[in-house]
Amino acid sequence: LRTSPAEEMDDHKMYYDFRDFWPLLVQAGFL
């Protein structure tokens, strides 16, 4: 649609769900 910047999407390295995101927060030091 060209309604979002293509260069931003091409710069994405990862997408997330709870099972991806929550463990990262714990590993970072949040309880």
PDB file of all heavy atoms in Angstrom:
ATOM      1  N   LEU A   1       0.807  -1.218   0.000  1.00  0.00           N
ATOM      2  CA  LEU A   1       0.000   0.000   0.000  1.00  0.00           C
ATOM      3  C   LEU A   1       0.843   1.274   0.000  1.00  0.00           C
ATOM      4  O   LEU A   1       0.334   2.344  -0.323  1.00  0.00           O
ATOM      5  CB  LEU A   1      -0.933   0.012   1.217  1.00  0.00           C
ATOM      6  CG  LEU A   1      -1.936  -1.141   1.328  1.00  0.00           C
ATOM      7  CD1 LEU A   1      -2.787  -0.975   2.575  1.00  0.00           C
ATOM      8  CD2 LEU A   1      -2.809  -1.237   0.081  1.00  0.00           C
ATOM      9  N   ARG A   2       2.105   1.158   0.397  1.00  0.00           N
ATOM     10  CA  ARG A   2       3.012   2.312   0.494  1.00  0.00           C
ATOM     11  C   ARG A   2       2.504   3.356   1.494  1.00  0.00           C
ATOM     12  O   ARG A   2       2.729   4.550   1.330  1.00  0.00           O
ATOM     13  CB  ARG A   2       3.188   2.980  -0.884  1.00  0.00           C
ATOM     14  CG  ARG A   2       3.595   2.033  -1.994  1.00  0.00           C
ATOM     15  CD  ARG A   2       4.967   1.446  -1.759  1.00  0.00           C
ATOM     16  NE  ARG A   2       5.379   0.561  -2.853  1.00  0.00           N
ATOM     17  CZ  ARG A   2       6.466  -0.187  -2.865  1.00  0.00           C
ATOM     18  NH1 ARG A   2       7.281  -0.145  -1.812  1.00  0.00           N
ATOM     19  NH2 ARG A   2       6.768  -0.968  -3.867  1.00  0.00           N
ATOM     20  N   THR A   3       1.833   2.878   2.528  1.00  0.00           N
ATOM     21  CA  THR A   3       1.315   3.793   3.549  1.00  0.00           C
ATOM     22  C   THR A   3       2.139   3.763   4.828  1.00  0.00           C
ATOM     23  O   THR A   3       1.784   4.396   5.818  1.00  0.00           O
ATOM     24  CB  THR A   3      -0.150   3.454   3.886  1.00  0.00           C
ATOM     25  OG1 THR A   3      -0.259   2.061   4.213  1.00  0.00           O
ATOM     26  CG2 THR A   3      -1.067   3.771   2.715  1.00  0.00           C
ATOM     27  N   SER A   4       3.229   3.031   4.811  1.00  0.00           N
ATOM     28  CA  SER A   4       4.196   2.997   5.916  1.00  0.00           C
ATOM     29  C   SER A   4       5.589   3.008   5.301  1.00  0.00           C
ATOM     30  O   SER A   4       5.761   2.574   4.155  1.00  0.00           O
ATOM     31  CB  SER A   4       4.018   1.747   6.778  1.00  0.00           C
ATOM     32  OG  SER A   4       2.747   1.714   7.376  1.00  0.00           O
ATOM     33  N   PRO A   5       6.594   3.492   6.023  1.00  0.00           N
ATOM     34  CA  PRO A   5       7.941   3.577   5.450  1.00  0.00           C
ATOM     35  C   PRO A   5       8.571   2.206   5.248  1.00  0.00           C
ATOM     36  O   PRO A   5       8.845   1.491   6.218  1.00  0.00           O
ATOM     37  CB  PRO A   5       8.707   4.408   6.477  1.00  0.00           C
ATOM     38  CG  PRO A   5       7.942   4.261   7.749  1.00  0.00           C
ATOM     39  CD  PRO A   5       6.515   4.079   7.376  1.00  0.00           C
ATOM     40  N   ALA A   6       8.821   1.844   3.995  1.00  0.00           N
ATOM     41  CA  ALA A   6       9.390   0.533   3.681  1.00  0.00           C
ATOM     42  C   ALA A   6      10.754   0.341   4.320  1.00  0.00           C
ATOM     43  O   ALA A   6      11.102  -0.763   4.753  1.00  0.00           O
ATOM     44  CB  ALA A   6       9.479   0.364   2.160  1.00  0.00           C
ATOM     45  N   GLU A   7      11.539   1.439   4.431  1.00  0.00           N
ATOM     46  CA  GLU A   7      12.878   1.308   4.998  1.00  0.00           C
ATOM     47  C   GLU A   7      12.823   0.909   6.471  1.00  0.00           C
ATOM     48  O   GLU A   7      13.729   0.246   6.978  1.00  0.00           O
ATOM     49  CB  GLU A   7      13.664   2.611   4.829  1.00  0.00           C
ATOM     50  CG  GLU A   7      13.108   3.820   5.549  1.00  0.00           C
ATOM     51  CD  GLU A   7      12.059   4.580   4.759  1.00  0.00           C
ATOM     52  OE1 GLU A   7      11.540   4.025   3.767  1.00  0.00           O
ATOM     53  OE2 GLU A   7      11.758   5.728   5.139  1.00  0.00           O
ATOM     54  N   GLU A   8      11.741   1.302   7.171  1.00  0.00           N
ATOM     55  CA  GLU A   8      11.603   0.910   8.574  1.00  0.00           C
ATOM     56  C   GLU A   8      11.308  -0.577   8.688  1.00  0.00           C
ATOM     57  O   GLU A   8      11.838  -1.271   9.558  1.00  0.00           O
ATOM     58  CB  GLU A   8      10.495   1.730   9.240  1.00  0.00           C
ATOM     59  CG  GLU A   8      10.806   3.205   9.381  1.00  0.00           C
ATOM     60  CD  GLU A   8      11.976   3.478  10.309  1.00  0.00           C
ATOM     61  OE1 GLU A   8      12.118   2.767  11.321  1.00  0.00           O
ATOM     62  OE2 GLU A   8      12.760   4.391  10.008  1.00  0.00           O
ATOM     63  N   MET A   9      10.446  -1.104   7.815  1.00  0.00           N
ATOM     64  CA  MET A   9      10.131  -2.536   7.854  1.00  0.00           C
ATOM     65  C   MET A   9      11.351  -3.366   7.449  1.00  0.00           C
ATOM     66  O   MET A   9      11.609  -4.432   8.013  1.00  0.00           O
ATOM     67  CB  MET A   9       8.956  -2.859   6.922  1.00  0.00           C
ATOM     68  CG  MET A   9       7.677  -2.112   7.240  1.00  0.00           C
ATOM     69  SD  MET A   9       7.198  -2.166   8.970  1.00  0.00           S
ATOM     70  CE  MET A   9       7.190  -0.415   9.353  1.00  0.00           C
ATOM     71  N   ASP A  10      12.123  -2.865   6.481  1.00  0.00           N
ATOM     72  CA  ASP A  10      13.321  -3.582   6.066  1.00  0.00           C
ATOM     73  C   ASP A  10      14.398  -3.575   7.147  1.00  0.00           C
ATOM     74  O   ASP A  10      15.338  -4.377   7.094  1.00  0.00           O
ATOM     75  CB  ASP A  10      13.889  -2.975   4.783  1.00  0.00           C
ATOM     76  CG  ASP A  10      13.229  -3.539   3.527  1.00  0.00           C
ATOM     77  OD1 ASP A  10      12.643  -4.633   3.610  1.00  0.00           O
ATOM     78  OD2 ASP A  10      13.308  -2.882   2.473  1.00  0.00           O
ATOM     79  N   ASP A  11      14.269  -2.689   8.111  1.00  0.00           N
ATOM     80  CA  ASP A  11      15.229  -2.604   9.215  1.00  0.00           C
ATOM     81  C   ASP A  11      14.823  -3.478  10.399  1.00  0.00           C
ATOM     82  O   ASP A  11      15.560  -3.568  11.377  1.00  0.00           O
ATOM     83  CB  ASP A  11      15.370  -1.141   9.669  1.00  0.00           C
ATOM     84  CG  ASP A  11      16.562  -0.933  10.589  1.00  0.00           C
ATOM     85  OD1 ASP A  11      17.670  -1.375  10.226  1.00  0.00           O
ATOM     86  OD2 ASP A  11      16.384  -0.343  11.670  1.00  0.00           O
ATOM     87  N   HIS A  12      13.666  -4.117  10.335  1.00  0.00           N
ATOM     88  CA  HIS A  12      13.222  -4.975  11.436  1.00  0.00           C
ATOM     89  C   HIS A  12      14.085  -6.232  11.518  1.00  0.00           C
ATOM     90  O   HIS A  12      14.338  -6.899  10.530  1.00  0.00           O
ATOM     91  CB  HIS A  12      11.755  -5.370  11.251  1.00  0.00           C
ATOM     92  CG  HIS A  12      10.807  -4.285  11.645  1.00  0.00           C
ATOM     93  ND1 HIS A  12       9.435  -4.474  11.666  1.00  0.00           N
ATOM     94  CD2 HIS A  12      11.015  -2.999  12.039  1.00  0.00           C
ATOM     95  CE1 HIS A  12       8.854  -3.349  12.062  1.00  0.00           C
ATOM     96  NE2 HIS A  12       9.793  -2.446  12.281  1.00  0.00           N
ATOM     97  N   LYS A  13      14.511  -6.545  12.727  1.00  0.00           N
ATOM     98  CA  LYS A  13      15.320  -7.736  12.982  1.00  0.00           C
ATOM     99  C   LYS A  13      14.510  -8.848  13.644  1.00  0.00           C
ATOM    100  O   LYS A  13      14.933 -10.002  13.648  1.00  0.00           O
ATOM    101  CB  LYS A  13      16.500  -7.391  13.910  1.00  0.00           C
ATOM    102  CG  LYS A  13      17.281  -6.128  13.554  1.00  0.00           C
ATOM    103  CD  LYS A  13      17.960  -6.219  12.219  1.00  0.00           C
ATOM    104  CE  LYS A  13      18.926  -5.053  11.987  1.00  0.00           C
ATOM    105  NZ  LYS A  13      18.275  -3.746  11.878  1.00  0.00           N
ATOM    106  N   MET A  14      13.347  -8.493  14.246  1.00  0.00           N
ATOM    107  CA  MET A  14      12.609  -9.456  15.053  1.00  0.00           C
ATOM    108  C   MET A  14      11.173  -9.003  15.232  1.00  0.00           C
ATOM    109  O   MET A  14      10.876  -7.800  15.184  1.00  0.00           O
ATOM    110  CB  MET A  14      13.275  -9.590  16.436  1.00  0.00           C
ATOM    111  CG  MET A  14      12.639 -10.582  17.390  1.00  0.00           C
ATOM    112  SD  MET A  14      12.709 -12.270  16.754  1.00  0.00           S
ATOM    113  CE  MET A  14      11.974 -13.176  18.115  1.00  0.00           C
ATOM    114  N   TYR A  15      10.271  -9.969  15.386  1.00  0.00           N
ATOM    115  CA  TYR A  15       8.907  -9.739  15.853  1.00  0.00           C
ATOM    116  C   TYR A  15       8.714 -10.578  17.106  1.00  0.00           C
ATOM    117  O   TYR A  15       9.493 -11.506  17.377  1.00  0.00           O
ATOM    118  CB  TYR A  15       7.891 -10.110  14.775  1.00  0.00           C
ATOM    119  CG  TYR A  15       7.946  -9.193  13.571  1.00  0.00           C
ATOM    120  CD1 TYR A  15       8.846  -9.429  12.538  1.00  0.00           C
ATOM    121  CD2 TYR A  15       7.118  -8.083  13.484  1.00  0.00           C
ATOM    122  CE1 TYR A  15       8.916  -8.576  11.451  1.00  0.00           C
ATOM    123  CE2 TYR A  15       7.180  -7.220  12.398  1.00  0.00           C
ATOM    124  CZ  TYR A  15       8.089  -7.479  11.387  1.00  0.00           C
ATOM    125  OH  TYR A  15       8.159  -6.627  10.317  1.00  0.00           O
ATOM    126  N   TYR A  16       7.686 -10.274  17.886  1.00  0.00           N
ATOM    127  CA  TYR A  16       7.572 -10.852  19.220  1.00  0.00           C
ATOM    128  C   TYR A  16       6.166 -11.370  19.512  1.00  0.00           C
ATOM    129  O   TYR A  16       5.184 -10.934  18.914  1.00  0.00           O
ATOM    130  CB  TYR A  16       7.930  -9.806  20.291  1.00  0.00           C
ATOM    131  CG  TYR A  16       9.371  -9.375  20.263  1.00  0.00           C
ATOM    132  CD1 TYR A  16       9.796  -8.331  19.442  1.00  0.00           C
ATOM    133  CD2 TYR A  16      10.327 -10.011  21.054  1.00  0.00           C
ATOM    134  CE1 TYR A  16      11.124  -7.942  19.414  1.00  0.00           C
ATOM    135  CE2 TYR A  16      11.660  -9.623  21.038  1.00  0.00           C
ATOM    136  CZ  TYR A  16      12.047  -8.583  20.215  1.00  0.00           C
ATOM    137  OH  TYR A  16      13.360  -8.203  20.182  1.00  0.00           O
ATOM    138  N   ASP A  17       6.105 -12.279  20.448  1.00  0.00           N
ATOM    139  CA  ASP A  17       4.879 -12.641  21.131  1.00  0.00           C
ATOM    140  C   ASP A  17       5.229 -12.720  22.614  1.00  0.00           C
ATOM    141  O   ASP A  17       6.375 -12.511  23.003  1.00  0.00           O
ATOM    142  CB  ASP A  17       4.307 -13.954  20.619  1.00  0.00           C
ATOM    143  CG  ASP A  17       2.798 -14.015  20.751  1.00  0.00           C
ATOM    144  OD1 ASP A  17       2.257 -13.321  21.655  1.00  0.00           O
ATOM    145  OD2 ASP A  17       2.144 -14.743  19.990  1.00  0.00           O
ATOM    146  N   PHE A  18       4.253 -13.022  23.456  1.00  0.00           N
ATOM    147  CA  PHE A  18       4.516 -13.078  24.895  1.00  0.00           C
ATOM    148  C   PHE A  18       5.663 -14.037  25.209  1.00  0.00           C
ATOM    149  O   PHE A  18       6.523 -13.748  26.042  1.00  0.00           O
ATOM    150  CB  PHE A  18       3.265 -13.516  25.655  1.00  0.00           C
ATOM    151  CG  PHE A  18       2.174 -12.491  25.666  1.00  0.00           C
ATOM    152  CD1 PHE A  18       0.985 -12.714  24.999  1.00  0.00           C
ATOM    153  CD2 PHE A  18       2.323 -11.284  26.337  1.00  0.00           C
ATOM    154  CE1 PHE A  18      -0.021 -11.774  24.999  1.00  0.00           C
ATOM    155  CE2 PHE A  18       1.318 -10.335  26.347  1.00  0.00           C
ATOM    156  CZ  PHE A  18       0.140 -10.580  25.674  1.00  0.00           C
ATOM    157  N   ARG A  19       5.674 -15.186  24.537  1.00  0.00           N
ATOM    158  CA  ARG A  19       6.691 -16.207  24.831  1.00  0.00           C
ATOM    159  C   ARG A  19       8.080 -15.758  24.412  1.00  0.00           C
ATOM    160  O   ARG A  19       9.077 -16.312  24.905  1.00  0.00           O
ATOM    161  CB  ARG A  19       6.332 -17.521  24.142  1.00  0.00           C
ATOM    162  CG  ARG A  19       6.436 -17.504  22.630  1.00  0.00           C
ATOM    163  CD  ARG A  19       6.007 -18.821  22.037  1.00  0.00           C
ATOM    164  NE  ARG A  19       4.616 -19.081  22.291  1.00  0.00           N
ATOM    165  CZ  ARG A  19       4.011 -20.228  22.003  1.00  0.00           C
ATOM    166  NH1 ARG A  19       4.698 -21.216  21.475  1.00  0.00           N
ATOM    167  NH2 ARG A  19       2.727 -20.392  22.253  1.00  0.00           N
ATOM    168  N   ASP A  20       8.192 -14.780  23.509  1.00  0.00           N
ATOM    169  CA  ASP A  20       9.484 -14.213  23.130  1.00  0.00           C
ATOM    170  C   ASP A  20       9.879 -13.056  24.039  1.00  0.00           C
ATOM    171  O   ASP A  20      11.044 -12.929  24.441  1.00  0.00           O
ATOM    172  CB  ASP A  20       9.445 -13.673  21.684  1.00  0.00           C
ATOM    173  CG  ASP A  20       8.912 -14.672  20.689  1.00  0.00           C
ATOM    174  OD1 ASP A  20       9.458 -15.786  20.657  1.00  0.00           O
ATOM    175  OD2 ASP A  20       7.963 -14.340  19.959  1.00  0.00           O
ATOM    176  N   PHE A  21       8.898 -12.202  24.338  1.00  0.00           N
ATOM    177  CA  PHE A  21       9.164 -10.923  24.992  1.00  0.00           C
ATOM    178  C   PHE A  21       9.381 -11.064  26.491  1.00  0.00           C
ATOM    179  O   PHE A  21      10.341 -10.516  27.055  1.00  0.00           O
ATOM    180  CB  PHE A  21       7.996  -9.988  24.702  1.00  0.00           C
ATOM    181  CG  PHE A  21       8.259  -8.540  25.001  1.00  0.00           C
ATOM    182  CD1 PHE A  21       9.475  -7.963  24.687  1.00  0.00           C
ATOM    183  CD2 PHE A  21       7.278  -7.745  25.567  1.00  0.00           C
ATOM    184  CE1 PHE A  21       9.714  -6.621  24.944  1.00  0.00           C
ATOM    185  CE2 PHE A  21       7.500  -6.410  25.824  1.00  0.00           C
ATOM    186  CZ  PHE A  21       8.722  -5.843  25.522  1.00  0.00           C
ATOM    187  N   TRP A  22       8.497 -11.785  27.167  1.00  0.00           N
ATOM    188  CA  TRP A  22       8.554 -11.917  28.621  1.00  0.00           C
ATOM    189  C   TRP A  22       9.898 -12.476  29.113  1.00  0.00           C
ATOM    190  O   TRP A  22      10.500 -11.929  30.044  1.00  0.00           O
ATOM    191  CB  TRP A  22       7.391 -12.768  29.114  1.00  0.00           C
ATOM    192  CG  TRP A  22       7.216 -12.791  30.606  1.00  0.00           C
ATOM    193  CD1 TRP A  22       6.497 -11.940  31.388  1.00  0.00           C
ATOM    194  CD2 TRP A  22       7.792 -13.758  31.503  1.00  0.00           C
ATOM    195  NE1 TRP A  22       6.584 -12.306  32.711  1.00  0.00           N
ATOM    196  CE2 TRP A  22       7.375 -13.418  32.807  1.00  0.00           C
ATOM    197  CE3 TRP A  22       8.612 -14.865  31.329  1.00  0.00           C
ATOM    198  CZ2 TRP A  22       7.743 -14.151  33.930  1.00  0.00           C
ATOM    199  CZ3 TRP A  22       8.997 -15.602  32.444  1.00  0.00           C
ATOM    200  CH2 TRP A  22       8.551 -15.235  33.734  1.00  0.00           C
ATOM    201  N   PRO A  23      10.425 -13.566  28.507  1.00  0.00           N
ATOM    202  CA  PRO A  23      11.721 -14.068  28.981  1.00  0.00           C
ATOM    203  C   PRO A  23      12.849 -13.049  28.832  1.00  0.00           C
ATOM    204  O   PRO A  23      13.754 -13.012  29.665  1.00  0.00           O
ATOM    205  CB  PRO A  23      11.961 -15.302  28.097  1.00  0.00           C
ATOM    206  CG  PRO A  23      10.617 -15.721  27.643  1.00  0.00           C
ATOM    207  CD  PRO A  23       9.842 -14.447  27.475  1.00  0.00           C
ATOM    208  N   LEU A  24      12.811 -12.224  27.785  1.00  0.00           N
ATOM    209  CA  LEU A  24      13.835 -11.196  27.621  1.00  0.00           C
ATOM    210  C   LEU A  24      13.806 -10.197  28.773  1.00  0.00           C
ATOM    211  O   LEU A  24      14.853  -9.769  29.273  1.00  0.00           O
ATOM    212  CB  LEU A  24      13.634 -10.449  26.303  1.00  0.00           C
ATOM    213  CG  LEU A  24      14.204 -11.072  25.035  1.00  0.00           C
ATOM    214  CD1 LEU A  24      13.868 -10.193  23.833  1.00  0.00           C
ATOM    215  CD2 LEU A  24      15.705 -11.277  25.144  1.00  0.00           C
ATOM    216  N   LEU A  25      12.598  -9.818  29.186  1.00  0.00           N
ATOM    217  CA  LEU A  25      12.469  -8.865  30.283  1.00  0.00           C
ATOM    218  C   LEU A  25      13.013  -9.444  31.582  1.00  0.00           C
ATOM    219  O   LEU A  25      13.675  -8.744  32.365  1.00  0.00           O
ATOM    220  CB  LEU A  25      11.006  -8.463  30.450  1.00  0.00           C
ATOM    221  CG  LEU A  25      10.353  -7.772  29.245  1.00  0.00           C
ATOM    222  CD1 LEU A  25       8.889  -7.478  29.524  1.00  0.00           C
ATOM    223  CD2 LEU A  25      11.100  -6.495  28.886  1.00  0.00           C
ATOM    224  N   VAL A  26      12.766 -10.728  31.802  1.00  0.00           N
ATOM    225  CA  VAL A  26      13.290 -11.390  33.006  1.00  0.00           C
ATOM    226  C   VAL A  26      14.818 -11.490  32.942  1.00  0.00           C
ATOM    227  O   VAL A  26      15.521 -11.216  33.918  1.00  0.00           O
ATOM    228  CB  VAL A  26      12.652 -12.779  33.179  1.00  0.00           C
ATOM    229  CG1 VAL A  26      13.309 -13.531  34.337  1.00  0.00           C
ATOM    230  CG2 VAL A  26      11.150 -12.636  33.435  1.00  0.00           C
ATOM    231  N   GLN A  27      15.346 -11.869  31.786  1.00  0.00           N
ATOM    232  CA  GLN A  27      16.799 -11.964  31.626  1.00  0.00           C
ATOM    233  C   GLN A  27      17.468 -10.606  31.815  1.00  0.00           C
ATOM    234  O   GLN A  27      18.622 -10.528  32.262  1.00  0.00           O
ATOM    235  CB  GLN A  27      17.140 -12.506  30.240  1.00  0.00           C
ATOM    236  CG  GLN A  27      16.788 -13.973  30.035  1.00  0.00           C
ATOM    237  CD  GLN A  27      17.067 -14.416  28.613  1.00  0.00           C
ATOM    238  OE1 GLN A  27      18.217 -14.397  28.159  1.00  0.00           O
ATOM    239  NE2 GLN A  27      16.034 -14.802  27.900  1.00  0.00           N
ATOM    240  N   ALA A  28      16.744  -9.538  31.484  1.00  0.00           N
ATOM    241  CA  ALA A  28      17.303  -8.195  31.635  1.00  0.00           C
ATOM    242  C   ALA A  28      17.366  -7.746  33.089  1.00  0.00           C
ATOM    243  O   ALA A  28      18.017  -6.744  33.393  1.00  0.00           O
ATOM    244  CB  ALA A  28      16.466  -7.200  30.829  1.00  0.00           C
ATOM    245  N   GLY A  29      16.680  -8.469  33.980  1.00  0.00           N
ATOM    246  CA  GLY A  29      16.748  -8.140  35.398  1.00  0.00           C
ATOM    247  C   GLY A  29      15.448  -7.726  36.041  1.00  0.00           C
ATOM    248  O   GLY A  29      15.400  -7.470  37.256  1.00  0.00           O
ATOM    249  N   PHE A  30      14.377  -7.669  35.260  1.00  0.00           N
ATOM    250  CA  PHE A  30      13.070  -7.374  35.844  1.00  0.00           C
ATOM    251  C   PHE A  30      12.493  -8.655  36.449  1.00  0.00           C
ATOM    252  O   PHE A  30      12.561  -9.719  35.833  1.00  0.00           O
ATOM    253  CB  PHE A  30      12.110  -6.822  34.788  1.00  0.00           C
ATOM    254  CG  PHE A  30      12.512  -5.481  34.250  1.00  0.00           C
ATOM    255  CD1 PHE A  30      13.040  -5.358  32.972  1.00  0.00           C
ATOM    256  CD2 PHE A  30      12.360  -4.334  35.018  1.00  0.00           C
ATOM    257  CE1 PHE A  30      13.407  -4.126  32.465  1.00  0.00           C
ATOM    258  CE2 PHE A  30      12.732  -3.091  34.522  1.00  0.00           C
ATOM    259  CZ  PHE A  30      13.258  -2.982  33.241  1.00  0.00           C
ATOM    260  N   LEU A  31      11.921  -8.549  37.634  1.00  0.00           N
ATOM    261  CA  LEU A  31      11.312  -9.705  38.281  1.00  0.00           C
ATOM    262  C   LEU A  31       9.910  -9.930  37.729  1.00  0.00           C
ATOM    263  O   LEU A  31       9.237  -8.982  37.320  1.00  0.00           O
ATOM    264  CB  LEU A  31      11.254  -9.484  39.788  1.00  0.00           C
ATOM    265  CG  LEU A  31      12.609  -9.313  40.481  1.00  0.00           C
ATOM    266  CD1 LEU A  31      12.405  -9.002  41.961  1.00  0.00           C
ATOM    267  CD2 LEU A  31      13.479 -10.549  40.290  1.00  0.00           C
TER     268      LEU A  31
END
